[in-house]
Protein backbone atom coordinates (compact mmCIF):
# COMPACT_ATOMS: atom_id res chain seq x y z
CA MET A 1 0.64 -7.89 7.54
CA ASN A 2 0.93 -5.56 4.55
CA SER A 3 1.88 -6.49 0.99
CA LEU A 4 5.18 -4.57 1.06
CA ASP A 5 6.24 -5.25 4.64
CA GLY A 6 10.05 -5.34 4.75
CA ILE A 7 10.49 -3.05 1.72
CA ARG A 8 12.20 0.25 2.48
CA VAL A 9 12.02 3.22 0.11
CA LEU A 10 14.34 6.23 0.13
CA ASP A 11 12.22 9.00 -1.36
CA LEU A 12 14.03 12.08 -2.69
CA SER A 13 11.04 13.22 -4.74
CA ARG A 14 8.85 16.23 -4.14
CA VAL A 15 5.66 17.95 -5.32
CA LEU A 16 3.35 15.36 -6.93
CA ALA A 17 4.38 12.59 -9.36
CA GLY A 18 7.06 11.08 -7.10
CA PRO A 19 5.20 11.57 -3.82
CA TRP A 20 2.05 10.06 -5.37
CA CYS A 21 4.08 6.96 -6.24
CA THR A 22 5.68 6.64 -2.81
CA GLN A 23 2.40 7.33 -1.02
CA THR A 24 0.95 4.27 -2.78
CA LEU A 25 4.00 2.19 -1.84
CA ALA A 26 3.59 3.37 1.76
CA ASP A 27 -0.10 2.47 1.72
CA LEU A 28 0.93 -1.04 0.73
CA GLY A 29 3.23 -1.31 3.72
CA ALA A 30 6.61 -0.08 2.52
CA ASP A 31 8.68 1.97 4.95
CA VAL A 32 9.00 5.24 3.01
CA ILE A 33 11.66 7.65 4.25
CA LYS A 34 10.99 11.05 2.73
CA ILE A 35 14.15 13.15 2.43
CA GLU A 36 13.38 16.88 2.63
CA ARG A 37 15.39 20.09 2.46
CA PRO A 38 16.24 21.38 5.95
CA GLY A 39 14.24 24.45 6.89
CA SER A 40 11.68 24.34 4.10
CA GLY A 41 11.00 20.77 3.04
CA ASP A 42 8.88 19.70 0.09
CA ASP A 43 7.68 22.72 -1.91
CA THR A 44 4.05 21.69 -1.40
CA ARG A 45 4.25 22.28 2.35
CA GLY A 46 3.78 25.94 1.49
CA TRP A 47 1.28 25.51 -1.34
CA GLY A 48 -1.71 27.04 0.40
CA PRO A 49 -4.09 28.18 1.56
CA PRO A 50 -5.79 26.09 2.66
CA PHE A 51 -3.55 25.03 5.54
CA LEU A 52 -4.32 22.49 8.23
CA LYS A 53 -5.97 24.09 11.26
CA ASP A 54 -4.83 23.19 14.76
CA ASN A 55 -7.14 22.18 17.60
CA SER A 56 -7.81 25.87 18.28
CA GLY A 57 -8.90 26.51 14.70
CA ASP A 58 -5.80 28.50 13.75
CA PRO A 59 -3.93 27.73 10.49
CA THR A 60 -0.61 25.87 10.78
CA GLN A 61 2.27 25.67 8.29
CA GLU A 62 1.05 22.33 6.88
CA ALA A 63 -0.65 22.85 3.50
CA ALA A 64 -3.56 20.58 2.60
CA TYR A 65 -1.76 19.82 -0.68
CA TYR A 66 1.19 18.29 1.17
CA LEU A 67 -1.01 16.28 3.54
CA GLY A 68 -2.92 14.78 0.62
CA THR A 69 0.18 13.31 -1.04
CA ASN A 70 2.46 12.19 1.79
CA ARG A 71 0.54 9.92 4.15
CA ASN A 72 2.29 7.00 5.86
CA LYS A 73 5.80 8.39 5.34
CA ARG A 74 8.63 9.28 7.69
CA SER A 75 10.14 12.73 7.19
CA VAL A 76 13.91 13.14 7.43
CA THR A 77 15.74 16.39 6.68
CA CYS A 78 19.08 16.21 4.88
CA ASP A 79 21.09 18.68 2.82
CA ILE A 80 22.02 16.52 -0.18
CA ALA A 81 24.08 19.37 -1.68
CA SER A 82 26.71 18.92 1.05
CA PRO A 83 29.26 16.07 1.13
CA LYS A 84 28.16 15.05 4.64
CA GLY A 85 24.54 14.96 3.49
CA GLN A 86 25.46 12.85 0.49
CA ALA A 87 27.32 10.46 2.78
CA LEU A 88 24.18 10.09 4.92
CA ILE A 89 22.10 9.27 1.84
CA LYS A 90 24.63 6.68 0.70
CA ALA A 91 24.61 5.08 4.12
CA LEU A 92 20.82 4.88 4.04
CA VAL A 93 20.93 3.35 0.54
CA LEU A 94 22.63 0.30 2.00
CA ALA A 95 19.48 -0.40 4.00
CA CYS A 96 16.96 0.43 1.27
CA ASP A 97 15.35 -1.49 -1.57
CA VAL A 98 14.10 1.45 -3.62
CA PHE A 99 15.47 4.92 -4.40
CA ILE A 100 13.22 7.45 -6.11
CA GLU A 101 14.00 11.00 -7.23
CA ASN A 102 12.56 13.63 -9.56
CA PHE A 103 15.43 16.08 -9.94
CA LYS A 104 16.53 17.49 -13.29
CA VAL A 105 18.56 15.21 -15.54
CA GLY A 106 22.16 15.21 -14.31
CA ASP A 107 21.53 16.64 -10.83
CA MET A 108 21.89 13.32 -9.04
CA LYS A 109 25.21 12.67 -10.79
CA ARG A 110 26.55 16.00 -9.53
CA TYR A 111 25.71 14.87 -6.01
CA GLY A 112 27.17 11.40 -6.51
CA LEU A 113 23.70 9.95 -5.99
CA ASP A 114 22.99 8.73 -9.51
CA TYR A 115 22.21 5.08 -10.25
CA ALA A 116 25.72 4.31 -11.52
CA SER A 117 27.15 5.51 -8.23
CA LEU A 118 24.63 3.82 -5.94
CA LYS A 119 24.26 0.41 -7.58
CA GLY A 120 27.85 -0.35 -6.61
CA LEU A 121 26.84 0.12 -2.98
CA ASN A 122 23.61 -1.87 -3.29
CA PRO A 123 23.36 -4.09 -6.40
CA LYS A 124 19.72 -4.97 -5.64
CA LEU A 125 18.66 -1.31 -5.55
CA VAL A 126 15.66 -0.35 -7.69
CA TYR A 127 16.31 3.24 -8.73
CA CYS A 128 13.46 5.28 -10.24
CA SER A 129 13.95 8.71 -11.83
CA ILE A 130 10.89 10.80 -12.72
CA THR A 131 11.36 13.75 -15.07
CA GLY A 132 9.24 15.68 -17.53
CA PHE A 133 10.78 14.18 -20.65
CA GLY A 134 13.00 11.28 -19.59
CA GLN A 135 16.73 10.72 -19.56
CA THR A 136 17.14 10.71 -23.37
CA GLY A 137 15.90 12.70 -26.34
CA PRO A 138 16.07 16.35 -27.44
CA TYR A 139 13.86 17.54 -24.55
CA LYS A 140 15.67 15.75 -21.73
CA ASP A 141 17.17 18.92 -20.26
CA ARG A 142 13.91 20.85 -20.27
CA ALA A 143 12.01 21.46 -17.05
CA GLY A 144 8.86 19.38 -17.39
CA TYR A 145 5.70 20.01 -15.43
CA ASP A 146 2.15 18.73 -15.69
CA TYR A 147 0.50 21.75 -17.33
CA ALA A 148 3.03 21.92 -20.18
CA VAL A 149 2.96 18.16 -20.67
CA GLN A 150 -0.84 18.13 -20.93
CA GLY A 151 -0.35 20.57 -23.81
CA ILE A 152 2.67 18.98 -25.51
CA GLY A 153 1.27 15.48 -25.08
CA GLY A 154 -2.01 16.22 -26.86
CA LEU A 155 -4.43 16.10 -23.93
CA MET A 156 -5.41 19.77 -24.16
CA SER A 157 -6.17 19.38 -27.87
CA ILE A 158 -9.02 17.02 -26.97
CA THR A 159 -10.13 18.64 -23.69
CA GLY A 160 -12.61 21.51 -23.67
CA GLU A 161 -15.69 22.53 -25.63
CA ARG A 162 -15.81 22.13 -29.42
CA ASP A 163 -14.12 24.99 -31.24
CA ASP A 164 -17.23 25.65 -33.33
CA LEU A 165 -19.16 26.15 -30.07
CA GLY A 166 -16.69 28.70 -28.74
CA GLY A 167 -14.32 26.32 -27.01
CA GLY A 168 -10.55 26.35 -26.73
CA PRO A 169 -7.73 24.40 -25.08
CA GLN A 170 -8.48 23.30 -21.53
CA LYS A 171 -6.38 21.46 -19.00
CA VAL A 172 -7.85 18.78 -16.76
CA GLY A 173 -8.87 20.00 -13.29
CA VAL A 174 -6.23 17.93 -11.49
CA ALA A 175 -2.64 17.23 -12.56
CA VAL A 176 -3.37 13.97 -14.35
CA ALA A 177 0.02 13.65 -16.08
CA ASP A 178 1.71 13.81 -12.67
CA LEU A 179 -0.76 11.41 -11.10
CA PHE A 180 -0.62 8.84 -13.88
CA THR A 181 3.18 9.04 -13.94
CA GLY A 182 3.17 8.38 -10.20
CA MET A 183 1.01 5.31 -10.69
CA TYR A 184 3.05 4.01 -13.66
CA SER A 185 6.20 4.57 -11.57
CA CYS A 186 4.68 2.49 -8.79
CA VAL A 187 3.95 -0.33 -11.23
CA GLY A 188 7.46 -0.16 -12.67
CA ILE A 189 9.03 -0.23 -9.21
CA LEU A 190 6.96 -3.24 -8.15
CA ALA A 191 7.96 -5.12 -11.33
CA ALA A 192 11.63 -4.22 -10.76
CA LEU A 193 11.40 -5.37 -7.14
CA ARG A 194 10.04 -8.72 -8.32
CA HIS A 195 12.99 -9.01 -10.70
CA ALA A 196 15.46 -8.07 -7.94
CA GLN A 197 14.00 -10.64 -5.58
CA THR A 198 14.33 -13.45 -8.14
CA THR A 199 17.70 -12.48 -9.66
CA GLY A 200 19.44 -10.36 -7.03
CA GLN A 201 19.80 -7.61 -9.63
CA GLY A 202 18.34 -4.14 -9.27
CA GLN A 203 17.65 -1.84 -12.19
CA TYR A 204 17.01 1.69 -13.35
CA VAL A 205 13.45 2.86 -14.01
CA ASP A 206 13.29 5.91 -16.31
CA MET A 207 9.84 7.53 -16.03
CA ALA A 208 8.74 10.59 -18.01
CA LEU A 209 5.57 12.65 -17.77
CA LEU A 210 5.43 13.03 -21.56
CA ASP A 211 5.74 9.26 -22.13
CA THR A 212 2.89 8.72 -19.71
CA GLN A 213 0.75 11.44 -21.27
CA VAL A 214 1.17 9.94 -24.75
CA ALA A 215 0.23 6.51 -23.39
CA MET A 216 -2.86 8.08 -21.77
CA LEU A 217 -4.21 9.12 -25.16
CA ALA A 218 -5.62 5.58 -25.16
CA ASN A 219 -8.38 4.99 -27.73
CA LEU A 220 -7.92 8.43 -29.31
CA GLY A 221 -4.24 7.71 -29.87
CA ALA A 222 -5.26 4.45 -31.50
CA ASN A 223 -7.88 6.29 -33.59
CA TYR A 224 -5.21 8.57 -34.99
CA LEU A 225 -2.53 5.94 -35.57
CA THR A 226 -4.84 3.46 -37.28
CA ASP A 227 -6.80 5.99 -39.33
CA GLY A 228 -6.15 9.67 -38.77
CA GLN A 229 -2.54 9.79 -39.85
CA PHE A 230 -3.61 8.43 -43.25
CA THR A 231 -6.85 10.39 -43.69
CA GLY A 232 -5.74 13.63 -42.03
CA LYS A 233 -8.54 13.36 -39.46
CA VAL A 234 -7.04 14.47 -36.14
CA PRO A 235 -9.08 14.04 -32.92
CA THR A 236 -10.37 17.39 -31.69
CA ARG A 237 -12.12 18.83 -28.65
CA MET A 238 -15.61 17.44 -28.15
CA GLY A 239 -16.61 19.13 -24.90
CA ASN A 240 -18.49 16.64 -22.76
CA ALA A 241 -19.29 14.41 -25.74
CA HIS A 242 -17.56 11.15 -26.66
CA GLN A 243 -15.58 10.86 -29.88
CA ASN A 244 -16.91 7.40 -30.76
CA ILE A 245 -20.22 6.95 -28.92
CA VAL A 246 -23.58 8.78 -29.08
CA PRO A 247 -25.32 9.71 -26.81
CA TYR A 248 -22.46 9.86 -24.31
CA GLN A 249 -22.28 13.34 -22.83
CA VAL A 250 -23.73 15.89 -20.41
CA PHE A 251 -27.30 17.04 -20.97
CA GLU A 252 -29.22 19.84 -19.30
CA VAL A 253 -32.43 18.78 -17.57
CA ALA A 254 -35.36 20.71 -16.08
CA PRO A 255 -34.24 23.26 -13.44
CA ASN A 256 -33.86 22.31 -9.79
CA GLU A 257 -35.35 24.98 -7.51
CA GLY A 258 -34.86 27.52 -10.25
CA GLU A 259 -31.20 26.60 -10.86
CA ARG A 260 -29.89 24.98 -14.07
CA ASP A 261 -29.23 21.29 -13.61
CA PHE A 262 -27.47 18.58 -15.60
CA ILE A 263 -27.00 14.81 -15.83
CA ILE A 264 -24.57 12.52 -17.59
CA LEU A 265 -26.06 10.13 -20.14
CA ALA A 266 -23.57 7.40 -21.09
CA VAL A 267 -25.27 5.04 -23.55
CA GLY A 268 -22.64 2.46 -24.45
CA ASN A 269 -24.49 0.23 -26.92
CA ASP A 270 -27.58 -0.05 -29.11
CA ARG A 271 -29.54 -2.08 -26.55
CA GLN A 272 -29.05 0.63 -23.95
CA PHE A 273 -30.14 3.24 -26.48
CA ALA A 274 -33.41 1.37 -27.07
CA LYS A 275 -34.00 1.24 -23.31
CA PHE A 276 -33.32 4.96 -23.06
CA CYS A 277 -35.87 5.61 -25.79
CA GLU A 278 -38.44 3.63 -23.81
CA VAL A 279 -37.82 5.79 -20.73
CA ALA A 280 -37.93 8.95 -22.88
CA GLN A 281 -41.10 7.69 -24.64
CA LYS A 282 -39.51 8.29 -28.04
CA ASP A 283 -38.91 6.01 -31.03
CA TRP A 284 -35.48 7.25 -32.10
CA HIS A 285 -34.13 3.68 -31.96
CA ASN A 286 -36.42 2.77 -34.87
CA ASP A 287 -35.10 5.60 -37.04
CA PRO A 288 -32.44 4.13 -39.40
CA ARG A 289 -30.33 7.26 -38.84
CA PHE A 290 -30.06 6.42 -35.13
CA THR A 291 -30.56 2.65 -34.71
CA LEU A 292 -26.85 1.76 -34.63
CA ASN A 293 -24.14 3.64 -32.77
CA GLN A 294 -22.17 4.21 -35.96
CA ASP A 295 -25.25 5.89 -37.45
CA ARG A 296 -25.79 7.98 -34.33
CA VAL A 297 -22.17 9.15 -34.49
CA ARG A 298 -22.60 10.13 -38.14
CA HIS A 299 -25.86 11.96 -37.40
CA ARG A 300 -24.79 13.38 -34.04
CA ASP A 301 -25.68 16.96 -34.97
CA ILE A 302 -29.27 15.93 -35.76
CA LEU A 303 -29.89 13.59 -32.82
CA VAL A 304 -28.29 15.49 -29.94
CA PRO A 305 -30.51 18.61 -30.19
CA GLU A 306 -33.58 16.35 -30.16
CA LEU A 307 -32.27 14.52 -27.11
CA GLN A 308 -31.54 17.81 -25.37
CA ALA A 309 -35.06 19.12 -25.97
CA CYS A 310 -36.50 15.93 -24.50
CA LEU A 311 -34.27 15.88 -21.44
CA LEU A 312 -35.26 19.45 -20.57
CA THR A 313 -38.83 18.29 -19.98
CA ARG A 314 -38.09 16.46 -16.72
CA PRO A 315 -35.89 17.17 -13.68
CA LYS A 316 -32.92 15.13 -12.52
CA SER A 317 -34.98 13.65 -9.69
CA VAL A 318 -37.22 12.00 -12.33
CA TRP A 319 -34.64 11.09 -14.98
CA LEU A 320 -32.00 9.41 -12.83
CA PRO A 321 -34.21 6.88 -10.98
CA ALA A 322 -36.02 5.98 -14.21
CA LEU A 323 -32.81 5.52 -16.19
CA GLU A 324 -31.13 3.55 -13.41
CA ALA A 325 -34.16 1.25 -13.17
CA ALA A 326 -33.89 0.64 -16.92
CA LYS A 327 -30.14 -0.11 -16.58
CA VAL A 328 -29.21 2.88 -18.72
CA PRO A 329 -25.83 4.29 -17.58
CA CYS A 330 -26.30 7.78 -16.18
CA GLY A 331 -25.16 9.93 -13.30
CA ALA A 332 -25.30 13.18 -11.43
CA ILE A 333 -22.57 15.83 -11.57
CA ASN A 334 -21.62 16.30 -7.93
CA ASN A 335 -19.68 19.12 -6.37
CA PHE A 336 -17.08 18.23 -3.74
CA ALA A 337 -19.53 18.62 -0.85
CA GLU A 338 -21.85 16.12 -2.53
CA VAL A 339 -18.98 13.74 -3.35
CA PHE A 340 -17.81 13.43 0.24
CA GLU A 341 -21.36 13.03 1.56
CA ASP A 342 -22.24 10.42 -1.05
CA PRO A 343 -23.34 7.19 0.70
CA GLN A 344 -21.30 5.04 -1.71
CA VAL A 345 -18.14 7.07 -1.04
CA ARG A 346 -18.74 6.79 2.71
CA GLU A 347 -19.51 3.06 2.53
CA ARG A 348 -16.26 2.46 0.66
CA GLN A 349 -14.38 4.37 3.39
CA MET A 350 -12.81 6.83 0.97
CA VAL A 351 -12.59 9.43 3.74
CA GLN A 352 -10.54 8.55 6.81
CA THR A 353 -9.69 10.40 9.99
CA TRP A 354 -6.07 10.86 10.98
CA GLU A 355 -4.36 12.10 14.09
CA HIS A 356 -1.79 14.79 13.41
CA PRO A 357 0.54 16.53 15.88
CA HIS A 358 -1.31 19.78 15.12
CA ASN A 359 -4.84 18.38 15.12
CA THR A 360 -6.36 15.25 16.64
CA LYS A 361 -8.95 14.94 13.89
CA VAL A 362 -7.90 15.43 10.26
CA GLU A 363 -10.12 14.06 7.49
CA LEU A 364 -8.29 13.12 4.28
CA VAL A 365 -8.98 11.04 1.19
CA ALA A 366 -7.99 7.42 1.72
CA SER A 367 -6.34 4.91 -0.59
CA PRO A 368 -8.75 3.25 -3.04
CA LEU A 369 -6.88 -0.07 -2.75
CA LYS A 370 -9.02 -2.84 -1.27
CA LEU A 371 -6.97 -5.98 -0.65
CA SER A 372 -8.74 -8.86 1.07
CA LEU A 373 -5.75 -10.50 2.78
CA THR A 374 -3.24 -7.65 3.06
CA PRO A 375 -5.41 -4.56 3.55
CA VAL A 376 -4.09 -1.04 3.32
CA GLN A 377 -3.54 0.43 6.78
CA GLN A 378 -2.88 3.82 8.30
CA LYS A 379 0.49 3.64 10.01
CA HIS A 380 0.91 7.20 11.22
CA ALA A 381 -0.09 10.75 10.45
CA PRO A 382 1.37 12.81 7.61
CA PRO A 383 4.65 14.00 9.10
CA LEU A 384 5.90 17.33 10.30
CA LEU A 385 9.09 18.48 8.58
CA GLY A 386 11.97 16.38 9.90
CA GLN A 387 9.71 14.67 12.43
CA HIS A 388 11.50 11.35 12.08
CA THR A 389 15.08 12.46 11.39
CA GLN A 390 16.53 11.40 14.72
CA GLU A 391 14.45 8.21 14.82
CA VAL A 392 15.63 7.07 11.37
CA LEU A 393 19.29 7.95 11.87
CA LYS A 394 19.37 6.02 15.12
CA GLU A 395 17.33 3.06 13.89
CA ILE A 396 19.00 2.51 10.51
CA LEU A 397 22.46 4.06 10.85
CA SER A 398 22.91 3.60 14.62
CA LEU A 399 24.12 7.18 15.03
CA SER A 400 24.65 8.45 18.55
CA ASP A 401 23.00 11.51 20.05
CA SER A 402 26.26 13.41 19.82
CA GLU A 403 26.70 12.53 16.14
CA ILE A 404 23.14 13.67 15.39
CA THR A 405 23.70 16.88 17.35
CA GLN A 406 26.81 17.60 15.31
CA LEU A 407 24.89 17.10 12.06
CA LYS A 408 22.37 19.65 13.29
CA ILE A 409 25.17 22.09 14.19
CA ASP A 410 26.63 21.59 10.70
CA GLN A 411 23.13 22.24 9.22
CA ILE A 412 23.20 18.91 7.41
CA ILE A 413 19.87 17.89 8.98
C-alpha cells in the first residue's frame, strides 16, 4: 500500500516545477495522468543531449531531462486547444482528485479548463496553478522562468564570489526556484486534499515561483527585515562563506597528486571551533578576537587567511578523517561520478534501475522519501509519449476502440 493510493491526478504541467510536484505525488502512490501535446509532448522530451540510449547503444528521442522528472506517470496525448480535447479533459476531471497546470495566467479560462469551470463538475477538485508570478499583482501576465526569478527574487544577489574578490551575480547550478515551487505545490496539494476529504470542498492553490524564491531567502531574508532595512546593510555575495558563521566555507588543502584540492569546513559553534583548533594544533580559540562566533564574524578578514595557510599544510586524506574523528563538521566536494559511487548514496538506494521500452536497464535518481509503513515504490518506467492514452481512455472513460480511433483520426489524441 502507498500513502496516496486511490488519489488520481490530472497533470497538465510541463518542464520542471509542475512535473517535479506530480512526480513526488506519483512516488507516494497517486495515479498521475500526464496530459501531453500530440506529436511533441512535454518540451523537455527534446531537451538533450544526452538522450536515453537503447539496448544497442543508439540514442532515442527520450531526453534524460524528461526521464528525471516524470517517473511513475501515465502519458496521455490530448489537444486541449480543440473542443473535443477539452471535452475529454472535463470527462477525466470527473474521475480525478487533483488538477495541476502551469500555463500562462488566463490560458486555462480560454480553454474552459479554469478552476471556476471545473469545480462545478467536481466540487472536491483540488486545482493547482503554477506560474512565475502568481494569479495577481503587476507581474501576473509576465512569463516567469527559474533563471529570471532567481535574479528578481534576490538569490543571485547572494550567490557567487564576493564582489571585492572579482565576483558577480551567479545562478544556482540547478533550477532551485522551480524545484522548491514543485515541492511547495506538493505540500499545498496534500493540505488541500486533507481539507477536501474532511469537508467535501476542493479549493484553488495559487503557486508562484517568485513567492517561493522570496520564502527561500530564509535567514538572510530575516537578517534584512529585522536589521538591514533599518541600517541599510543589505546581504551581499559571500562566495562559499557563510554570512553569519565563521569558519563556514570552502578551504584549499594540500594538492592531491599534483592537482588542487579543497574541503568544506562548517564550524557551527564555539565548541566545534575549539575542537578544530586542537586538530589544527593552533590556539586561535584562546584569542579574544576569535573565541566567540560573533567575534570571528567581525574579524573574518584576519582569521580566514590564517586558517587557509594552515589548511594548505595537509592533504584532504589527512584533514577529513581527523576532523570527523573530532566531530568537527567537514566534507569533500564530490563531482557527479564520486556522488553516485559514494557508499552512503548507494546504501540509501538513491540510484535505482528502471526498465524502459527502449532500454531494459536505465539508472535514474530515486525518491529521497523513506516511509516505514507506506514505502515509495516504482510502479512503471518513465513513459513514452502517449504510451497510456488508449489504456486511460478505456479504463476511466470507457471509450470503445472505434471512439478512440476516431479521436486519432481527428488528431485530438
